């Protein structure tokens, strides 16, 4: 039996440290250690990797990541109440868990991590999408991370893996699939959490590609996609008219009908359209 296995159950940890979930922090704690272990395994072979975890709370997933052999886990936690519970895990795994109390949107994890790096987290609902977009749009590619294993509301997870032609398909799908392989690897009902959220959740695993699927300038592509989906009910000739008076010609050159709407345009076509604005 490892030292991690001797730690008390999460419900006991929560009671001991008074860790009632706070809605303002987007907290919904996953207490079933079998489920947290399954999420950790979904992150792949962690042996020899550092892992960044955002919002560990009482440390259920943290335990799973360490048990699965992560070389080091860097846990970034905004809620000071959770720090003592995480320190108990650190004491059971000397030198393998570093805890930073702070806002994940403001902390630079690279100062504390050594490649190869993976990210695994039950993301707080209120910052999950913003963090994902940051990780998908770094200045340079490949990024500092090899893979992302992240829990979201089911609706957000479906938007990440969506294909053209449906309501879920949008900016997140294009950004994620341009540079990553993305798939849903787990679904979790509200009852798996404390307190139960109003919606189901899902875990998405994203593996960084060595290079984007199709060539395009990242800033131009992001601008085109944002404009297209910000007015997704409009035909693209109207939604993108701010990009220039010759937008219809540019759309046709990219193989897109000017009367099409954003949700039917493929990733390859968006990249072709973005290339048309280069130079």
Protein backbone atom coordinates (compact mmCIF):
# COMPACT_ATOMS: atom_id res chain seq x y z
CA UNK A 1 0.00 0.00 0.00
CA UNK A 2 1.37 3.42 -0.99
CA UNK A 3 1.34 6.46 1.26
CA UNK A 4 -1.43 7.95 -0.91
CA UNK A 5 -3.69 5.01 -0.07
CA UNK A 6 -3.42 5.79 3.64
CA UNK A 7 -4.93 9.26 3.23
CA UNK A 8 -8.48 9.71 4.57
CA UNK A 9 -11.56 9.66 2.28
CA UNK A 10 -12.35 12.95 0.58
CA UNK A 11 -15.63 13.43 2.45
CA UNK A 12 -13.65 13.24 5.69
CA UNK A 13 -11.07 15.70 4.34
CA UNK A 14 -13.83 18.13 3.35
CA UNK A 15 -15.45 17.86 6.78
CA UNK A 16 -12.14 18.25 8.63
CA UNK A 17 -11.14 21.39 6.74
CA UNK A 18 -14.61 22.91 6.29
CA UNK A 19 -14.43 22.80 2.50
CA UNK A 20 -18.00 23.48 1.47
CA UNK A 21 -17.96 24.17 -2.28
CA UNK A 22 -18.24 27.83 -3.23
CA UNK A 23 -20.36 28.76 -6.22
CA UNK A 24 -18.40 31.99 -6.69
CA UNK A 25 -15.30 29.91 -7.39
CA UNK A 26 -17.09 27.53 -9.75
CA UNK A 27 -16.45 24.64 -7.37
CA UNK A 28 -18.05 21.22 -7.69
CA UNK A 29 -15.97 18.57 -5.93
CA UNK A 30 -15.59 15.08 -7.38
CA UNK A 31 -15.39 12.78 -4.38
CA UNK A 32 -15.26 9.30 -5.91
CA UNK A 33 -11.59 8.31 -5.98
CA UNK A 34 -12.34 5.60 -8.54
CA UNK A 35 -13.54 8.31 -10.93
CA UNK A 36 -10.59 10.62 -10.24
CA UNK A 37 -8.24 7.69 -10.86
CA UNK A 38 -10.01 7.01 -14.17
CA UNK A 39 -9.53 10.65 -15.23
CA UNK A 40 -5.85 10.44 -14.30
CA UNK A 41 -5.47 7.32 -16.45
CA UNK A 42 -7.19 9.12 -19.34
CA UNK A 43 -4.30 11.61 -19.27
CA UNK A 44 -2.02 8.87 -20.62
CA UNK A 45 1.30 7.55 -19.38
CA UNK A 46 2.33 10.09 -16.73
CA UNK A 47 5.62 8.43 -15.78
CA UNK A 48 8.40 10.88 -16.52
CA UNK A 49 6.03 13.83 -17.00
CA UNK A 50 5.25 16.91 -14.95
CA UNK A 51 1.53 17.61 -14.66
CA UNK A 52 -0.18 20.97 -14.21
CA UNK A 53 -3.46 20.77 -12.32
CA UNK A 54 -5.77 23.78 -11.99
CA UNK A 55 -8.31 23.98 -9.17
CA UNK A 56 -7.48 20.75 -7.31
CA UNK A 57 -9.86 21.52 -4.42
CA UNK A 58 -9.50 18.80 -1.77
CA UNK A 59 -7.15 16.85 -4.05
CA UNK A 60 -9.05 13.89 -5.44
CA UNK A 61 -7.59 14.15 -8.94
CA UNK A 62 -4.24 15.17 -7.42
CA UNK A 63 -4.09 11.82 -5.66
CA UNK A 64 -4.94 10.03 -8.90
CA UNK A 65 -2.24 11.82 -10.88
CA UNK A 66 0.40 10.99 -8.28
CA UNK A 67 -0.77 7.37 -8.01
CA UNK A 68 -0.51 7.05 -11.80
CA UNK A 69 3.17 7.92 -11.59
CA UNK A 70 3.40 11.62 -12.43
CA UNK A 71 6.95 12.78 -11.85
CA UNK A 72 5.63 15.99 -10.33
CA UNK A 73 2.24 17.67 -9.97
CA UNK A 74 1.99 21.46 -9.83
CA UNK A 75 -1.37 22.26 -8.22
CA UNK A 76 -2.64 25.83 -8.62
CA UNK A 77 -5.44 26.57 -6.16
CA UNK A 78 -7.18 29.90 -5.59
CA UNK A 79 -9.11 28.82 -2.49
CA UNK A 80 -6.86 29.15 0.57
CA UNK A 81 -9.13 26.77 2.51
CA UNK A 82 -7.94 23.86 0.33
CA UNK A 83 -4.22 24.38 0.91
CA UNK A 84 -3.96 22.38 4.18
CA UNK A 85 -5.71 19.39 2.56
CA UNK A 86 -3.30 19.53 -0.37
CA UNK A 87 -0.34 19.82 2.00
CA UNK A 88 -1.39 16.51 3.55
CA UNK A 89 -1.06 14.90 0.11
CA UNK A 90 2.31 16.59 -0.41
CA UNK A 91 3.53 15.14 2.89
CA UNK A 92 2.57 11.66 1.70
CA UNK A 93 4.49 12.15 -1.58
CA UNK A 94 7.69 14.02 -0.67
CA UNK A 95 9.05 16.16 -3.50
CA UNK A 96 6.32 15.28 -6.00
CA UNK A 97 3.56 17.82 -5.26
CA UNK A 98 4.10 21.57 -5.42
CA UNK A 99 1.20 23.80 -4.37
CA UNK A 100 0.74 27.37 -5.53
CA UNK A 101 -2.00 29.45 -3.98
CA UNK A 102 -3.14 31.83 -6.67
CA UNK A 103 -5.32 32.55 -9.69
CA UNK A 104 -4.60 30.22 -12.61
CA UNK A 105 -5.20 33.13 -15.01
CA UNK A 106 -2.29 34.99 -13.44
CA UNK A 107 0.21 32.26 -12.50
CA UNK A 108 3.07 31.36 -14.89
CA UNK A 109 3.43 27.59 -14.49
CA UNK A 110 6.50 27.29 -16.71
CA UNK A 111 8.74 28.62 -13.95
CA UNK A 112 7.91 25.47 -11.95
CA UNK A 113 7.65 22.71 -14.56
CA UNK A 114 10.08 20.64 -16.60
CA UNK A 115 9.11 19.10 -19.97
CA UNK A 116 7.48 16.85 -20.91
CA UNK A 117 4.40 18.54 -19.45
CA UNK A 118 0.75 17.48 -19.42
CA UNK A 119 -2.24 19.39 -18.10
CA UNK A 120 -5.02 17.58 -16.25
CA UNK A 121 -7.80 19.31 -14.34
CA UNK A 122 -11.40 19.36 -13.21
CA UNK A 123 -11.54 22.98 -14.30
CA UNK A 124 -13.60 25.48 -12.32
CA UNK A 125 -16.61 26.18 -14.56
CA UNK A 126 -16.11 29.95 -14.45
CA UNK A 127 -12.59 29.97 -15.99
CA UNK A 128 -12.47 26.70 -17.94
CA UNK A 129 -13.13 28.02 -21.43
CA UNK A 130 -10.80 31.00 -21.03
CA UNK A 131 -7.95 28.75 -19.89
CA UNK A 132 -8.53 26.36 -22.78
CA UNK A 133 -8.43 29.16 -25.35
CA UNK A 134 -5.16 30.42 -23.84
CA UNK A 135 -3.60 26.97 -24.06
CA UNK A 136 -4.78 26.58 -27.67
CA UNK A 137 -3.49 29.99 -28.81
CA UNK A 138 0.09 30.39 -27.54
CA UNK A 139 2.59 32.59 -29.35
CA UNK A 140 4.55 29.57 -30.56
CA UNK A 141 3.54 26.05 -31.58
CA UNK A 142 4.09 23.27 -30.50
CA UNK A 143 2.99 24.52 -27.06
CA UNK A 144 4.66 23.83 -23.70
CA UNK A 145 2.19 20.99 -23.07
CA UNK A 146 1.85 17.62 -24.79
CA UNK A 147 -1.76 16.94 -23.85
CA UNK A 148 -4.77 18.40 -22.05
CA UNK A 149 -7.18 16.21 -20.08
CA UNK A 150 -9.91 18.54 -18.89
CA UNK A 151 -13.37 18.31 -17.41
CA UNK A 152 -16.02 20.70 -18.65
CA UNK A 153 -19.76 21.04 -18.66
CA UNK A 154 -20.99 18.52 -21.23
CA UNK A 155 -22.15 21.32 -23.53
CA UNK A 156 -18.66 22.83 -23.66
CA UNK A 157 -17.04 19.43 -24.25
CA UNK A 158 -19.35 18.84 -27.20
CA UNK A 159 -18.44 22.22 -28.65
CA UNK A 160 -14.74 21.28 -28.57
CA UNK A 161 -15.18 18.08 -30.60
CA UNK A 162 -18.09 19.26 -32.82
CA UNK A 163 -18.05 18.83 -36.59
CA UNK A 164 -19.43 21.30 -39.18
CA UNK A 165 -23.16 21.36 -39.68
CA UNK A 166 -24.45 21.42 -36.12
CA UNK A 167 -25.26 24.04 -33.52
CA UNK A 168 -22.34 22.94 -31.30
CA UNK A 169 -19.80 23.69 -34.04
CA UNK A 170 -18.11 27.04 -33.54
CA UNK A 171 -14.96 28.89 -32.57
CA UNK A 172 -13.88 26.38 -29.91
CA UNK A 173 -14.08 23.47 -32.36
CA UNK A 174 -11.97 25.30 -34.96
CA UNK A 175 -9.31 26.43 -32.48
CA UNK A 176 -9.06 22.99 -30.86
CA UNK A 177 -9.11 20.85 -33.97
CA UNK A 178 -6.74 23.04 -35.97
CA UNK A 179 -3.86 22.13 -33.70
CA UNK A 180 -5.02 19.08 -31.73
CA UNK A 181 -6.64 15.70 -31.81
CA UNK A 182 -9.66 16.11 -29.52
CA UNK A 183 -12.05 13.48 -28.16
CA UNK A 184 -14.45 13.01 -25.27
CA UNK A 185 -13.13 10.20 -23.06
CA UNK A 186 -15.59 10.23 -20.12
CA UNK A 187 -19.06 11.41 -19.21
CA UNK A 188 -20.13 12.14 -15.64
CA UNK A 189 -23.64 12.73 -14.29
CA UNK A 190 -24.41 15.60 -11.88
CA UNK A 191 -24.68 13.14 -9.00
CA UNK A 192 -20.96 12.37 -9.20
CA UNK A 193 -20.22 15.80 -7.71
CA UNK A 194 -20.74 17.58 -4.43
CA UNK A 195 -22.78 19.70 -4.71
CA UNK A 196 -24.37 18.28 -7.89
CA UNK A 197 -24.28 20.83 -10.73
CA UNK A 198 -27.38 21.38 -12.83
CA UNK A 199 -25.72 19.90 -15.92
CA UNK A 200 -23.77 16.80 -16.89
CA UNK A 201 -19.99 16.94 -17.30
CA UNK A 202 -17.48 15.35 -19.66
CA UNK A 203 -13.74 14.89 -19.86
CA UNK A 204 -12.01 15.91 -23.08
CA UNK A 205 -8.53 14.70 -24.01
CA UNK A 206 -6.59 16.90 -26.46
CA UNK A 207 -3.23 15.86 -27.89
CA UNK A 208 -1.10 18.61 -29.40
CA UNK A 209 -0.17 18.05 -33.05
CA UNK A 210 3.44 18.80 -34.05
CA UNK A 211 2.08 21.39 -36.52
CA UNK A 212 -1.40 22.71 -37.39
CA UNK A 213 -3.51 20.57 -39.73
CA UNK A 214 -3.55 23.29 -42.39
CA UNK A 215 -1.31 26.34 -42.84
CA UNK A 216 -2.72 29.67 -41.67
CA UNK A 217 -1.61 32.75 -39.77
CA UNK A 218 -2.97 32.17 -36.23
CA UNK A 219 -4.06 35.77 -35.61
CA UNK A 220 -5.80 36.07 -38.97
CA UNK A 221 -7.53 32.72 -38.53
CA UNK A 222 -8.72 33.63 -35.03
CA UNK A 223 -10.07 36.96 -36.29
CA UNK A 224 -11.90 35.41 -39.24
CA UNK A 225 -13.40 32.64 -37.11
CA UNK A 226 -14.45 35.04 -34.33
CA UNK A 227 -16.19 37.36 -36.80
CA UNK A 228 -17.89 34.46 -38.58
CA UNK A 229 -19.33 32.90 -35.44
CA UNK A 230 -20.15 36.14 -33.63
CA UNK A 231 -22.90 36.57 -36.21
CA UNK A 232 -23.48 32.91 -37.00
CA UNK A 233 -27.05 33.46 -38.21
CA UNK A 234 -25.87 35.79 -40.95
CA UNK A 235 -24.54 34.76 -44.34
CA UNK A 236 -20.76 35.01 -44.39
CA UNK A 237 -20.74 37.80 -46.96
CA UNK A 238 -22.53 39.90 -44.33
CA UNK A 239 -20.81 38.57 -41.21
CA UNK A 240 -17.35 39.14 -42.72
CA UNK A 241 -17.99 42.35 -44.69
CA UNK A 242 -15.79 44.27 -42.25
CA UNK A 243 -12.76 42.38 -43.58
CA UNK A 244 -12.94 44.13 -46.94
CA UNK A 245 -15.17 45.11 -49.86
CA UNK A 246 -14.02 42.07 -51.88
CA UNK A 247 -15.13 39.55 -49.28
CA UNK A 248 -17.33 37.62 -51.73
CA UNK A 249 -14.37 37.05 -54.06
CA UNK A 250 -12.21 35.92 -51.14
CA UNK A 251 -14.87 33.50 -49.95
CA UNK A 252 -15.23 32.01 -53.42
CA UNK A 253 -11.45 31.66 -53.72
CA UNK A 254 -11.47 29.62 -50.51
CA UNK A 255 -14.20 27.36 -51.82
CA UNK A 256 -16.92 28.92 -49.65
CA UNK A 257 -20.28 30.16 -50.92
CA UNK A 258 -20.88 33.78 -49.87
CA UNK A 259 -24.39 32.73 -48.82
CA UNK A 260 -23.06 30.01 -46.48
CA UNK A 261 -23.23 30.45 -42.72
CA UNK A 262 -20.27 29.82 -40.45
CA UNK A 263 -21.55 26.53 -39.05
CA UNK A 264 -21.20 24.73 -42.40
CA UNK A 265 -17.64 25.89 -43.16
CA UNK A 266 -14.96 23.28 -42.57
CA UNK A 267 -11.70 23.83 -40.73
CA UNK A 268 -9.81 23.46 -44.01
CA UNK A 269 -11.97 26.14 -45.64
CA UNK A 270 -11.50 28.56 -42.74
CA UNK A 271 -7.74 28.10 -43.05
CA UNK A 272 -7.88 28.69 -46.81
CA UNK A 273 -9.88 31.89 -46.21
CA UNK A 274 -7.36 33.08 -43.60
CA UNK A 275 -4.47 32.46 -46.02
CA UNK A 276 -6.26 34.68 -48.54
CA UNK A 277 -5.75 37.63 -46.17
CA UNK A 278 -2.00 37.07 -45.74
CA UNK A 279 0.60 39.13 -47.49
